[in-house]
Amino acid sequence: MDMMAMVSTMLAAQQGALQSNIAATLTKQNMDMEKSTVLTLLGAAQPSLANVGPGVGGNLNVTA
């Protein structure tokens, strides 16, 4: 094998490794986003206080 063929092979291997790393990163980000979406749809996220009356859910003063 001549020198250029070896260099080309090494560069191709590095490119393949880079593409695999990028694919793994994008897959993980996609899975995290899907998990967040499912949790939001199931209501497992923080409870919303949008439909409660004024003063509900605020801080409680226990110094008295």
C-alpha atoms as a PDB file:
ATOM      1  CA  MET A   1       0.000   0.000   0.000  1.00  0.00           C
ATOM      2  CA  ASP A   2       1.463   3.328  -0.963  1.00  0.00           C
ATOM      3  CA  MET A   3       1.553   6.352   1.299  1.00  0.00           C
ATOM      4  CA  MET A   4      -1.412   8.203  -0.271  1.00  0.00           C
ATOM      5  CA  ALA A   5      -3.649   5.160   0.071  1.00  0.00           C
ATOM      6  CA  MET A   6      -2.761   4.889   3.764  1.00  0.00           C
ATOM      7  CA  VAL A   7      -3.420   8.592   4.317  1.00  0.00           C
ATOM      8  CA  SER A   8      -6.750   8.346   2.483  1.00  0.00           C
ATOM      9  CA  THR A   9      -7.730   5.338   4.572  1.00  0.00           C
ATOM     10  CA  MET A  10      -6.868   7.134   7.816  1.00  0.00           C
ATOM     11  CA  LEU A  11      -8.813  10.233   6.780  1.00  0.00           C
ATOM     12  CA  ALA A  12     -11.818   8.132   5.822  1.00  0.00           C
ATOM     13  CA  ALA A  13     -11.717   6.373   9.187  1.00  0.00           C
ATOM     14  CA  GLN A  14     -11.575   9.710  11.016  1.00  0.00           C
ATOM     15  CA  GLN A  15     -14.500  11.009   8.966  1.00  0.00           C
ATOM     16  CA  GLY A  16     -16.513   7.899   9.775  1.00  0.00           C
ATOM     17  CA  ALA A  17     -15.807   8.283  13.484  1.00  0.00           C
ATOM     18  CA  LEU A  18     -16.849  11.937  13.362  1.00  0.00           C
ATOM     19  CA  GLN A  19     -20.105  11.061  11.603  1.00  0.00           C
ATOM     20  CA  SER A  20     -20.825   8.368  14.191  1.00  0.00           C
ATOM     21  CA  ASN A  21     -20.248  10.825  17.044  1.00  0.00           C
ATOM     22  CA  ILE A  22     -22.532  13.401  15.455  1.00  0.00           C
ATOM     23  CA  ALA A  23     -25.234  10.788  14.872  1.00  0.00           C
ATOM     24  CA  ALA A  24     -25.015   9.622  18.496  1.00  0.00           C
ATOM     25  CA  THR A  25     -25.264  13.199  19.778  1.00  0.00           C
ATOM     26  CA  LEU A  26     -28.274  13.999  17.607  1.00  0.00           C
ATOM     27  CA  THR A  27     -29.991  10.753  18.596  1.00  0.00           C
ATOM     28  CA  LYS A  28     -29.505  11.521  22.301  1.00  0.00           C
ATOM     29  CA  GLN A  29     -30.841  15.053  21.876  1.00  0.00           C
ATOM     30  CA  ASN A  30     -33.850  13.723  19.987  1.00  0.00           C
ATOM     31  CA  MET A  31     -34.551  11.134  22.688  1.00  0.00           C
ATOM     32  CA  ASP A  32     -34.300  13.801  25.395  1.00  0.00           C
ATOM     33  CA  MET A  33     -36.744  15.999  23.499  1.00  0.00           C
ATOM     34  CA  GLU A  34     -39.164  13.102  23.037  1.00  0.00           C
ATOM     35  CA  LYS A  35     -38.959  12.310  26.758  1.00  0.00           C
ATOM     36  CA  SER A  36     -39.714  15.925  27.611  1.00  0.00           C
ATOM     37  CA  THR A  37     -42.671  15.939  25.234  1.00  0.00           C
ATOM     38  CA  VAL A  38     -44.118  12.764  26.727  1.00  0.00           C
ATOM     39  CA  LEU A  39     -43.703  14.070  30.273  1.00  0.00           C
ATOM     40  CA  THR A  40     -45.422  17.305  29.300  1.00  0.00           C
ATOM     41  CA  LEU A  41     -48.320  15.448  27.679  1.00  0.00           C
ATOM     42  CA  LEU A  42     -48.693  13.165  30.695  1.00  0.00           C
ATOM     43  CA  GLY A  43     -48.662  16.112  33.064  1.00  0.00           C
ATOM     44  CA  ALA A  44     -45.585  14.922  34.931  1.00  0.00           C
ATOM     45  CA  ALA A  45     -44.008  18.330  34.635  1.00  0.00           C
ATOM     46  CA  GLN A  46     -44.417  20.955  37.321  1.00  0.00           C
ATOM     47  CA  PRO A  47     -48.074  21.527  38.134  1.00  0.00           C
ATOM     48  CA  SER A  48     -49.583  24.626  36.630  1.00  0.00           C
ATOM     49  CA  LEU A  49     -51.145  27.262  38.875  1.00  0.00           C
ATOM     50  CA  ALA A  50     -52.871  28.961  35.945  1.00  0.00           C
ATOM     51  CA  ASN A  51     -56.419  27.964  36.935  1.00  0.00           C
ATOM     52  CA  VAL A  52     -56.342  28.610  40.686  1.00  0.00           C
ATOM     53  CA  GLY A  53     -57.524  31.613  42.610  1.00  0.00           C
ATOM     54  CA  PRO A  54     -55.354  34.527  43.685  1.00  0.00           C
ATOM     55  CA  GLY A  55     -53.062  33.773  46.609  1.00  0.00           C
ATOM     56  CA  VAL A  56     -53.103  30.003  46.077  1.00  0.00           C
ATOM     57  CA  GLY A  57     -49.666  28.494  45.706  1.00  0.00           C
ATOM     58  CA  GLY A  58     -47.817  31.497  47.058  1.00  0.00           C
ATOM     59  CA  ASN A  59     -45.278  31.499  49.850  1.00  0.00           C
ATOM     60  CA  LEU A  60     -46.538  30.735  53.346  1.00  0.00           C
ATOM     61  CA  ASN A  61     -45.482  33.038  56.176  1.00  0.00           C
ATOM     62  CA  VAL A  62     -44.874  30.849  59.258  1.00  0.00           C
ATOM     63  CA  THR A  63     -43.228  33.462  61.505  1.00  0.00           C
ATOM     64  CA  ALA A  64     -46.406  34.074  63.541  1.00  0.00           C
END
